[in-house]
N, C-alpha and C. Protein backbone atom coordinates (compact mmCIF):
# COMPACT_ATOMS: atom_id res chain seq x y z
N MET A 1 23.08 -9.95 -142.30
CA MET A 1 22.73 -8.67 -142.86
C MET A 1 22.61 -8.85 -144.38
N THR A 2 21.57 -8.28 -144.93
CA THR A 2 21.39 -8.38 -146.37
C THR A 2 22.32 -7.41 -147.08
N ARG A 3 22.52 -7.66 -148.34
CA ARG A 3 23.37 -6.79 -149.16
C ARG A 3 22.81 -5.37 -149.16
N GLU A 4 21.49 -5.24 -149.29
CA GLU A 4 20.84 -3.93 -149.33
C GLU A 4 21.02 -3.18 -148.01
N ALA A 5 20.89 -3.91 -146.89
CA ALA A 5 21.08 -3.28 -145.58
C ALA A 5 22.53 -2.82 -145.42
N PHE A 6 23.47 -3.63 -145.88
CA PHE A 6 24.88 -3.25 -145.81
C PHE A 6 25.13 -1.98 -146.61
N ILE A 7 24.60 -1.92 -147.81
CA ILE A 7 24.79 -0.74 -148.67
C ILE A 7 24.19 0.49 -148.01
N THR A 8 23.03 0.36 -147.41
CA THR A 8 22.38 1.49 -146.73
C THR A 8 23.25 1.99 -145.58
N HIS A 9 23.76 1.06 -144.78
CA HIS A 9 24.64 1.45 -143.66
C HIS A 9 25.91 2.13 -144.18
N VAL A 10 26.51 1.57 -145.20
CA VAL A 10 27.76 2.13 -145.73
C VAL A 10 27.52 3.52 -146.31
N GLU A 11 26.44 3.71 -147.02
CA GLU A 11 26.14 5.03 -147.57
C GLU A 11 26.03 6.07 -146.46
N ARG A 12 25.47 5.68 -145.34
CA ARG A 12 25.30 6.59 -144.21
C ARG A 12 26.63 6.90 -143.53
N GLU A 13 27.54 5.94 -143.48
CA GLU A 13 28.78 6.09 -142.72
C GLU A 13 30.02 6.36 -143.56
N GLN A 14 29.88 6.35 -144.86
CA GLN A 14 31.03 6.44 -145.77
C GLN A 14 31.88 7.70 -145.55
N GLU A 15 31.25 8.85 -145.45
CA GLU A 15 32.03 10.09 -145.28
C GLU A 15 32.77 10.11 -143.95
N ALA A 16 32.12 9.65 -142.88
CA ALA A 16 32.78 9.60 -141.57
C ALA A 16 33.97 8.63 -141.61
N LEU A 17 33.79 7.50 -142.29
CA LEU A 17 34.87 6.53 -142.42
C LEU A 17 36.05 7.15 -143.17
N ARG A 18 35.78 7.80 -144.27
CA ARG A 18 36.86 8.42 -145.04
C ARG A 18 37.56 9.52 -144.23
N GLY A 19 36.79 10.30 -143.49
CA GLY A 19 37.40 11.34 -142.65
C GLY A 19 38.29 10.75 -141.57
N PHE A 20 37.83 9.67 -140.96
CA PHE A 20 38.61 8.98 -139.94
C PHE A 20 39.92 8.47 -140.51
N LEU A 21 39.84 7.81 -141.64
CA LEU A 21 41.05 7.25 -142.25
C LEU A 21 41.96 8.34 -142.81
N LEU A 22 41.39 9.43 -143.30
CA LEU A 22 42.20 10.54 -143.79
C LEU A 22 43.02 11.13 -142.65
N ALA A 23 42.41 11.25 -141.48
CA ALA A 23 43.15 11.76 -140.32
C ALA A 23 44.22 10.76 -139.87
N LEU A 24 43.88 9.47 -139.85
CA LEU A 24 44.88 8.48 -139.47
C LEU A 24 46.05 8.45 -140.44
N CYS A 25 45.76 8.72 -141.70
CA CYS A 25 46.80 8.73 -142.75
C CYS A 25 47.43 10.10 -142.90
N CYS A 26 47.16 10.98 -141.95
CA CYS A 26 47.78 12.31 -141.90
C CYS A 26 47.57 13.11 -143.18
N GLY A 27 46.38 13.03 -143.74
CA GLY A 27 46.04 13.82 -144.91
C GLY A 27 46.39 13.19 -146.23
N ASN A 28 46.95 12.00 -146.24
CA ASN A 28 47.30 11.33 -147.49
C ASN A 28 46.04 10.67 -148.05
N LYS A 29 45.40 11.36 -148.99
CA LYS A 29 44.11 10.92 -149.53
C LYS A 29 44.21 9.56 -150.23
N GLY A 30 45.29 9.32 -150.93
CA GLY A 30 45.47 8.05 -151.63
C GLY A 30 45.49 6.87 -150.67
N ASP A 31 46.29 7.01 -149.59
CA ASP A 31 46.34 5.94 -148.58
C ASP A 31 44.98 5.76 -147.91
N ALA A 32 44.34 6.88 -147.57
CA ALA A 32 43.04 6.81 -146.91
C ALA A 32 42.01 6.12 -147.79
N ASP A 33 41.99 6.44 -149.07
CA ASP A 33 41.05 5.81 -149.99
C ASP A 33 41.32 4.32 -150.14
N ASP A 34 42.60 3.95 -150.22
CA ASP A 34 42.96 2.53 -150.32
C ASP A 34 42.52 1.77 -149.07
N LEU A 35 42.76 2.36 -147.90
CA LEU A 35 42.37 1.71 -146.65
C LEU A 35 40.85 1.62 -146.53
N ALA A 36 40.15 2.68 -146.96
CA ALA A 36 38.68 2.66 -146.91
C ALA A 36 38.15 1.53 -147.79
N GLN A 37 38.71 1.40 -148.97
CA GLN A 37 38.28 0.34 -149.87
C GLN A 37 38.55 -1.05 -149.25
N ASP A 38 39.74 -1.23 -148.70
CA ASP A 38 40.07 -2.50 -148.05
C ASP A 38 39.14 -2.78 -146.88
N ALA A 39 38.89 -1.77 -146.07
CA ALA A 39 38.02 -1.94 -144.90
C ALA A 39 36.59 -2.28 -145.32
N LEU A 40 36.10 -1.63 -146.36
CA LEU A 40 34.74 -1.92 -146.82
C LEU A 40 34.61 -3.33 -147.38
N VAL A 41 35.63 -3.78 -148.08
CA VAL A 41 35.62 -5.15 -148.59
C VAL A 41 35.61 -6.13 -147.41
N LYS A 42 36.48 -5.90 -146.43
CA LYS A 42 36.54 -6.76 -145.26
C LYS A 42 35.21 -6.74 -144.51
N ALA A 43 34.61 -5.56 -144.39
CA ALA A 43 33.33 -5.45 -143.70
C ALA A 43 32.25 -6.22 -144.44
N TYR A 44 32.23 -6.09 -145.76
CA TYR A 44 31.21 -6.80 -146.53
C TYR A 44 31.37 -8.31 -146.38
N LEU A 45 32.63 -8.76 -146.45
CA LEU A 45 32.87 -10.20 -146.31
C LEU A 45 32.52 -10.71 -144.91
N SER A 46 32.55 -9.82 -143.93
CA SER A 46 32.22 -10.20 -142.55
C SER A 46 30.79 -9.84 -142.16
N SER A 47 30.05 -9.25 -143.07
CA SER A 47 28.73 -8.71 -142.72
C SER A 47 27.74 -9.77 -142.25
N ALA A 48 27.93 -11.00 -142.65
CA ALA A 48 27.02 -12.06 -142.19
C ALA A 48 27.15 -12.25 -140.68
N GLY A 49 28.30 -11.95 -140.14
CA GLY A 49 28.53 -12.09 -138.70
C GLY A 49 28.15 -10.87 -137.89
N TYR A 50 27.79 -9.76 -138.57
CA TYR A 50 27.42 -8.54 -137.86
C TYR A 50 26.05 -8.73 -137.20
N ARG A 51 26.00 -8.44 -135.92
CA ARG A 51 24.73 -8.48 -135.20
C ARG A 51 24.39 -7.05 -134.81
N ASP A 52 23.19 -6.67 -135.03
CA ASP A 52 22.78 -5.28 -134.83
C ASP A 52 22.74 -4.88 -133.36
N LYS A 53 23.65 -5.47 -132.55
CA LYS A 53 23.68 -5.16 -131.12
C LYS A 53 24.27 -3.78 -130.87
N GLY A 54 25.28 -3.43 -131.63
CA GLY A 54 25.95 -2.15 -131.44
C GLY A 54 25.73 -1.25 -132.63
N ARG A 55 26.46 -0.19 -132.64
CA ARG A 55 26.35 0.73 -133.76
C ARG A 55 27.18 0.21 -134.94
N PHE A 56 26.62 0.29 -136.12
CA PHE A 56 27.32 -0.13 -137.33
C PHE A 56 28.61 0.67 -137.49
N ARG A 57 28.55 1.96 -137.18
CA ARG A 57 29.73 2.81 -137.33
C ARG A 57 30.89 2.28 -136.49
N SER A 58 30.63 1.93 -135.24
CA SER A 58 31.70 1.41 -134.37
C SER A 58 32.28 0.11 -134.94
N TRP A 59 31.41 -0.76 -135.43
CA TRP A 59 31.85 -2.02 -136.02
C TRP A 59 32.72 -1.76 -137.25
N LEU A 60 32.26 -0.86 -138.11
CA LEU A 60 33.00 -0.53 -139.33
C LEU A 60 34.33 0.16 -139.00
N PHE A 61 34.32 1.07 -138.04
CA PHE A 61 35.54 1.77 -137.65
C PHE A 61 36.56 0.80 -137.04
N LYS A 62 36.09 -0.20 -136.34
CA LYS A 62 37.01 -1.20 -135.77
C LYS A 62 37.72 -1.94 -136.91
N ILE A 63 36.98 -2.30 -137.92
CA ILE A 63 37.59 -2.97 -139.08
C ILE A 63 38.57 -2.02 -139.76
N ALA A 64 38.19 -0.76 -139.93
CA ALA A 64 39.08 0.22 -140.56
C ALA A 64 40.32 0.46 -139.72
N TYR A 65 40.15 0.53 -138.41
CA TYR A 65 41.29 0.74 -137.50
C TYR A 65 42.28 -0.42 -137.62
N ASN A 66 41.78 -1.63 -137.60
CA ASN A 66 42.66 -2.80 -137.73
C ASN A 66 43.33 -2.84 -139.10
N THR A 67 42.61 -2.43 -140.13
CA THR A 67 43.19 -2.36 -141.47
C THR A 67 44.32 -1.33 -141.49
N PHE A 68 44.10 -0.19 -140.83
CA PHE A 68 45.13 0.85 -140.73
C PHE A 68 46.36 0.31 -140.00
N LEU A 69 46.14 -0.33 -138.85
CA LEU A 69 47.28 -0.86 -138.08
C LEU A 69 48.07 -1.88 -138.89
N ASN A 70 47.37 -2.76 -139.60
CA ASN A 70 48.06 -3.75 -140.43
C ASN A 70 48.83 -3.09 -141.56
N HIS A 71 48.27 -2.06 -142.13
CA HIS A 71 48.92 -1.34 -143.23
C HIS A 71 50.14 -0.56 -142.75
N LYS A 72 50.03 0.01 -141.56
CA LYS A 72 51.09 0.88 -141.04
C LYS A 72 52.11 0.14 -140.17
N ALA A 73 52.02 -1.17 -140.10
CA ALA A 73 52.89 -1.95 -139.20
C ALA A 73 54.37 -1.67 -139.45
N GLY A 74 54.76 -1.45 -140.68
CA GLY A 74 56.17 -1.24 -140.98
C GLY A 74 56.59 0.22 -140.98
N SER A 75 55.66 1.14 -140.86
CA SER A 75 56.03 2.55 -140.92
C SER A 75 56.44 3.07 -139.55
N ARG A 76 57.20 4.11 -139.55
CA ARG A 76 57.67 4.65 -138.29
C ARG A 76 57.02 5.99 -137.99
N THR A 77 57.07 6.38 -136.73
CA THR A 77 56.54 7.65 -136.27
C THR A 77 57.62 8.71 -136.47
N MET A 78 57.21 9.89 -136.89
CA MET A 78 58.16 10.98 -137.08
C MET A 78 58.57 11.54 -135.72
N GLU A 79 59.81 11.95 -135.61
CA GLU A 79 60.32 12.50 -134.36
C GLU A 79 59.86 13.93 -134.13
N SER A 80 59.69 14.68 -135.19
CA SER A 80 59.30 16.09 -135.04
C SER A 80 58.41 16.49 -136.20
N ILE A 81 57.75 17.62 -136.04
CA ILE A 81 56.90 18.12 -137.11
C ILE A 81 57.75 18.54 -138.31
N ASP A 82 58.98 18.99 -138.06
CA ASP A 82 59.86 19.35 -139.16
C ASP A 82 60.23 18.13 -140.00
N GLU A 83 60.48 17.00 -139.34
CA GLU A 83 60.77 15.76 -140.06
C GLU A 83 59.56 15.34 -140.89
N ALA A 84 58.37 15.44 -140.31
CA ALA A 84 57.15 15.10 -141.03
C ALA A 84 56.94 16.04 -142.22
N ARG A 85 57.20 17.33 -142.01
CA ARG A 85 57.04 18.32 -143.07
C ARG A 85 57.99 18.02 -144.23
N THR A 86 59.23 17.65 -143.92
CA THR A 86 60.21 17.31 -144.96
C THR A 86 59.76 16.08 -145.75
N LEU A 87 59.31 15.06 -145.04
CA LEU A 87 58.84 13.84 -145.70
C LEU A 87 57.66 14.13 -146.60
N VAL A 88 56.68 14.88 -146.10
CA VAL A 88 55.47 15.16 -146.88
C VAL A 88 55.81 16.01 -148.09
N SER A 89 56.66 17.01 -147.94
CA SER A 89 56.97 17.88 -149.07
C SER A 89 57.73 17.14 -150.17
N SER A 90 58.45 16.09 -149.80
CA SER A 90 59.22 15.36 -150.81
C SER A 90 58.47 14.17 -151.41
N THR A 91 57.38 13.72 -150.75
CA THR A 91 56.73 12.51 -151.24
C THR A 91 55.25 12.64 -151.51
N SER A 92 54.64 13.75 -151.19
CA SER A 92 53.18 13.81 -151.28
C SER A 92 52.70 15.02 -152.06
N ALA A 93 51.66 14.79 -152.81
CA ALA A 93 51.01 15.89 -153.53
C ALA A 93 49.94 16.53 -152.65
N GLU A 94 49.83 16.09 -151.41
CA GLU A 94 48.78 16.58 -150.52
C GLU A 94 49.23 17.83 -149.76
N SER A 95 50.30 18.48 -150.17
CA SER A 95 50.86 19.59 -149.40
C SER A 95 49.93 20.79 -149.31
N SER A 96 48.95 20.89 -150.19
CA SER A 96 48.03 22.01 -150.13
C SER A 96 46.78 21.68 -149.32
N PHE A 97 46.77 20.54 -148.64
CA PHE A 97 45.60 20.10 -147.90
C PHE A 97 45.25 21.09 -146.80
N GLU A 98 43.96 21.31 -146.62
CA GLU A 98 43.44 22.32 -145.70
C GLU A 98 43.95 22.19 -144.27
N HIS A 99 44.11 20.99 -143.75
CA HIS A 99 44.50 20.78 -142.36
C HIS A 99 45.92 20.24 -142.25
N GLN A 100 46.79 20.72 -143.11
CA GLN A 100 48.13 20.17 -143.21
C GLN A 100 48.89 20.19 -141.87
N GLU A 101 48.86 21.28 -141.14
CA GLU A 101 49.61 21.36 -139.88
C GLU A 101 49.13 20.31 -138.88
N LEU A 102 47.81 20.13 -138.79
CA LEU A 102 47.27 19.12 -137.89
C LEU A 102 47.73 17.73 -138.32
N TYR A 103 47.66 17.44 -139.61
CA TYR A 103 48.06 16.11 -140.09
C TYR A 103 49.55 15.89 -139.91
N LEU A 104 50.34 16.93 -140.08
CA LEU A 104 51.78 16.79 -139.83
C LEU A 104 52.02 16.49 -138.35
N ALA A 105 51.28 17.17 -137.48
CA ALA A 105 51.43 16.93 -136.04
C ALA A 105 50.95 15.52 -135.69
N LEU A 106 49.85 15.08 -136.27
CA LEU A 106 49.35 13.73 -136.01
C LEU A 106 50.37 12.68 -136.42
N ARG A 107 51.14 12.97 -137.46
CA ARG A 107 52.14 12.03 -137.95
C ARG A 107 53.22 11.77 -136.90
N THR A 108 53.38 12.69 -135.95
CA THR A 108 54.40 12.51 -134.90
C THR A 108 53.91 11.60 -133.77
N LEU A 109 52.61 11.27 -133.78
CA LEU A 109 52.06 10.41 -132.72
C LEU A 109 52.14 8.94 -133.12
N PRO A 110 52.35 8.07 -132.14
CA PRO A 110 52.26 6.63 -132.42
C PRO A 110 50.84 6.29 -132.88
N PRO A 111 50.67 5.23 -133.66
CA PRO A 111 49.35 4.91 -134.22
C PRO A 111 48.21 4.81 -133.21
N LYS A 112 48.45 4.25 -132.04
CA LYS A 112 47.37 4.11 -131.05
C LYS A 112 46.93 5.47 -130.51
N GLU A 113 47.88 6.36 -130.23
CA GLU A 113 47.52 7.70 -129.77
C GLU A 113 46.83 8.47 -130.89
N ARG A 114 47.34 8.36 -132.10
CA ARG A 114 46.74 9.03 -133.25
C ARG A 114 45.30 8.57 -133.44
N SER A 115 45.08 7.27 -133.30
CA SER A 115 43.74 6.72 -133.46
C SER A 115 42.79 7.24 -132.39
N SER A 116 43.23 7.24 -131.14
CA SER A 116 42.37 7.73 -130.06
C SER A 116 42.03 9.20 -130.23
N ILE A 117 43.03 10.01 -130.55
CA ILE A 117 42.80 11.44 -130.77
C ILE A 117 41.82 11.64 -131.93
N THR A 118 42.03 10.94 -133.01
CA THR A 118 41.18 11.07 -134.19
C THR A 118 39.74 10.64 -133.89
N LEU A 119 39.58 9.49 -133.25
CA LEU A 119 38.24 9.00 -132.95
C LEU A 119 37.51 9.92 -131.98
N PHE A 120 38.21 10.45 -130.99
CA PHE A 120 37.58 11.28 -129.97
C PHE A 120 37.27 12.68 -130.48
N TYR A 121 38.28 13.35 -131.02
CA TYR A 121 38.11 14.76 -131.38
C TYR A 121 37.56 14.98 -132.79
N LEU A 122 37.93 14.15 -133.73
CA LEU A 122 37.48 14.38 -135.10
C LEU A 122 36.22 13.60 -135.45
N ASN A 123 35.98 12.48 -134.76
CA ASN A 123 34.81 11.67 -135.08
C ASN A 123 33.77 11.64 -133.97
N GLY A 124 34.08 12.22 -132.82
CA GLY A 124 33.11 12.34 -131.75
C GLY A 124 32.73 11.06 -131.02
N HIS A 125 33.59 10.06 -131.06
CA HIS A 125 33.30 8.81 -130.35
C HIS A 125 33.58 8.99 -128.85
N SER A 126 32.83 8.27 -128.05
CA SER A 126 33.06 8.28 -126.60
C SER A 126 34.27 7.41 -126.28
N ILE A 127 34.76 7.55 -125.07
CA ILE A 127 35.89 6.74 -124.62
C ILE A 127 35.52 5.26 -124.66
N LYS A 128 34.29 4.95 -124.27
CA LYS A 128 33.83 3.56 -124.29
C LYS A 128 33.82 3.01 -125.72
N GLU A 129 33.34 3.81 -126.67
CA GLU A 129 33.32 3.38 -128.08
C GLU A 129 34.74 3.19 -128.61
N ILE A 130 35.62 4.10 -128.25
CA ILE A 130 37.02 3.99 -128.71
C ILE A 130 37.64 2.72 -128.16
N ALA A 131 37.35 2.40 -126.91
CA ALA A 131 37.88 1.17 -126.31
C ALA A 131 37.40 -0.06 -127.09
N LEU A 132 36.14 -0.03 -127.52
CA LEU A 132 35.61 -1.15 -128.31
C LEU A 132 36.27 -1.21 -129.69
N ILE A 133 36.41 -0.06 -130.33
CA ILE A 133 36.99 -0.01 -131.67
C ILE A 133 38.45 -0.46 -131.65
N THR A 134 39.19 0.01 -130.66
CA THR A 134 40.63 -0.28 -130.62
C THR A 134 40.96 -1.53 -129.81
N ASP A 135 39.92 -2.17 -129.27
CA ASP A 135 40.08 -3.41 -128.51
C ASP A 135 41.05 -3.23 -127.35
N THR A 136 40.81 -2.18 -126.55
CA THR A 136 41.65 -1.88 -125.40
C THR A 136 40.75 -1.42 -124.26
N SER A 137 41.31 -1.13 -123.11
CA SER A 137 40.51 -0.70 -121.96
C SER A 137 40.23 0.81 -122.03
N GLU A 138 39.20 1.22 -121.31
CA GLU A 138 38.87 2.64 -121.26
C GLU A 138 40.01 3.43 -120.62
N ASP A 139 40.66 2.86 -119.60
CA ASP A 139 41.80 3.54 -118.98
C ASP A 139 42.94 3.74 -119.98
N ALA A 140 43.18 2.74 -120.83
CA ALA A 140 44.23 2.87 -121.84
C ALA A 140 43.88 3.98 -122.83
N VAL A 141 42.61 4.08 -123.20
CA VAL A 141 42.18 5.14 -124.11
C VAL A 141 42.40 6.50 -123.47
N LYS A 142 42.04 6.63 -122.20
CA LYS A 142 42.24 7.91 -121.49
C LYS A 142 43.72 8.29 -121.47
N LYS A 143 44.59 7.32 -121.23
CA LYS A 143 46.03 7.58 -121.23
C LYS A 143 46.51 7.98 -122.62
N GLN A 144 46.02 7.29 -123.65
CA GLN A 144 46.41 7.63 -125.02
C GLN A 144 45.95 9.03 -125.39
N LEU A 145 44.74 9.39 -124.97
CA LEU A 145 44.24 10.74 -125.24
C LEU A 145 45.09 11.79 -124.52
N SER A 146 45.41 11.52 -123.27
CA SER A 146 46.21 12.46 -122.50
C SER A 146 47.60 12.63 -123.10
N ARG A 147 48.25 11.52 -123.40
CA ARG A 147 49.59 11.59 -124.02
C ARG A 147 49.53 12.27 -125.38
N GLY A 148 48.54 11.90 -126.16
CA GLY A 148 48.39 12.49 -127.49
C GLY A 148 48.18 14.00 -127.44
N ARG A 149 47.30 14.45 -126.53
CA ARG A 149 47.06 15.89 -126.37
C ARG A 149 48.34 16.60 -125.97
N ASP A 150 49.06 16.02 -124.99
CA ASP A 150 50.30 16.65 -124.53
C ASP A 150 51.32 16.76 -125.66
N LYS A 151 51.45 15.70 -126.44
CA LYS A 151 52.41 15.72 -127.55
C LYS A 151 51.98 16.72 -128.62
N LEU A 152 50.68 16.76 -128.93
CA LEU A 152 50.20 17.72 -129.94
C LEU A 152 50.39 19.16 -129.47
N LYS A 153 50.15 19.42 -128.20
CA LYS A 153 50.37 20.77 -127.67
C LYS A 153 51.83 21.16 -127.85
N GLU A 154 52.72 20.24 -127.55
CA GLU A 154 54.15 20.52 -127.69
C GLU A 154 54.53 20.72 -129.15
N VAL A 155 54.09 19.82 -130.00
CA VAL A 155 54.45 19.87 -131.42
C VAL A 155 53.88 21.14 -132.07
N LEU A 156 52.64 21.47 -131.72
CA LEU A 156 51.98 22.63 -132.31
C LEU A 156 52.23 23.91 -131.52
N LYS A 157 52.95 23.78 -130.40
CA LYS A 157 53.28 24.91 -129.53
C LYS A 157 52.03 25.62 -129.06
N LEU A 158 51.06 24.84 -128.57
CA LEU A 158 49.81 25.39 -128.05
C LEU A 158 49.90 25.56 -126.54
N THR A 159 49.17 26.49 -126.00
CA THR A 159 49.09 26.66 -124.57
C THR A 159 47.68 26.30 -124.12
N SER A 160 47.56 25.86 -122.91
CA SER A 160 46.26 25.45 -122.38
C SER A 160 45.36 26.63 -122.16
């Protein structure tokens, strides 16, 4: 892939990538921006190996997802939305963020469930695409979506 082609693809997908990472980072814009920058550098360095067989977005999101997992390897999942709310209010300037309750609830999900929920509902990826991005089976994605939905319903006190 040429440098110009890479730039064109990135310009087209940049906002979706940032939105995906912002959701994975539970509204923490600083972390999302850092991860986006890391993912774009990794993508550029790997762009010679990109073959236009699939969608560029899926390829880029896979790199971003792996960057997120590597970055979050040492962090823990919050037990409750109240615990997440306490942590965010004491450590983040993002407390006025528009989707704060959703991001607080997402923080209670394990990274794989959070990723599946984010890719499916916020980014509109199919189960097959999510399986490719997260390097897992379609059945595993379906289970992660089901568990994630159930946990979010409980955390957010939603009814079906």
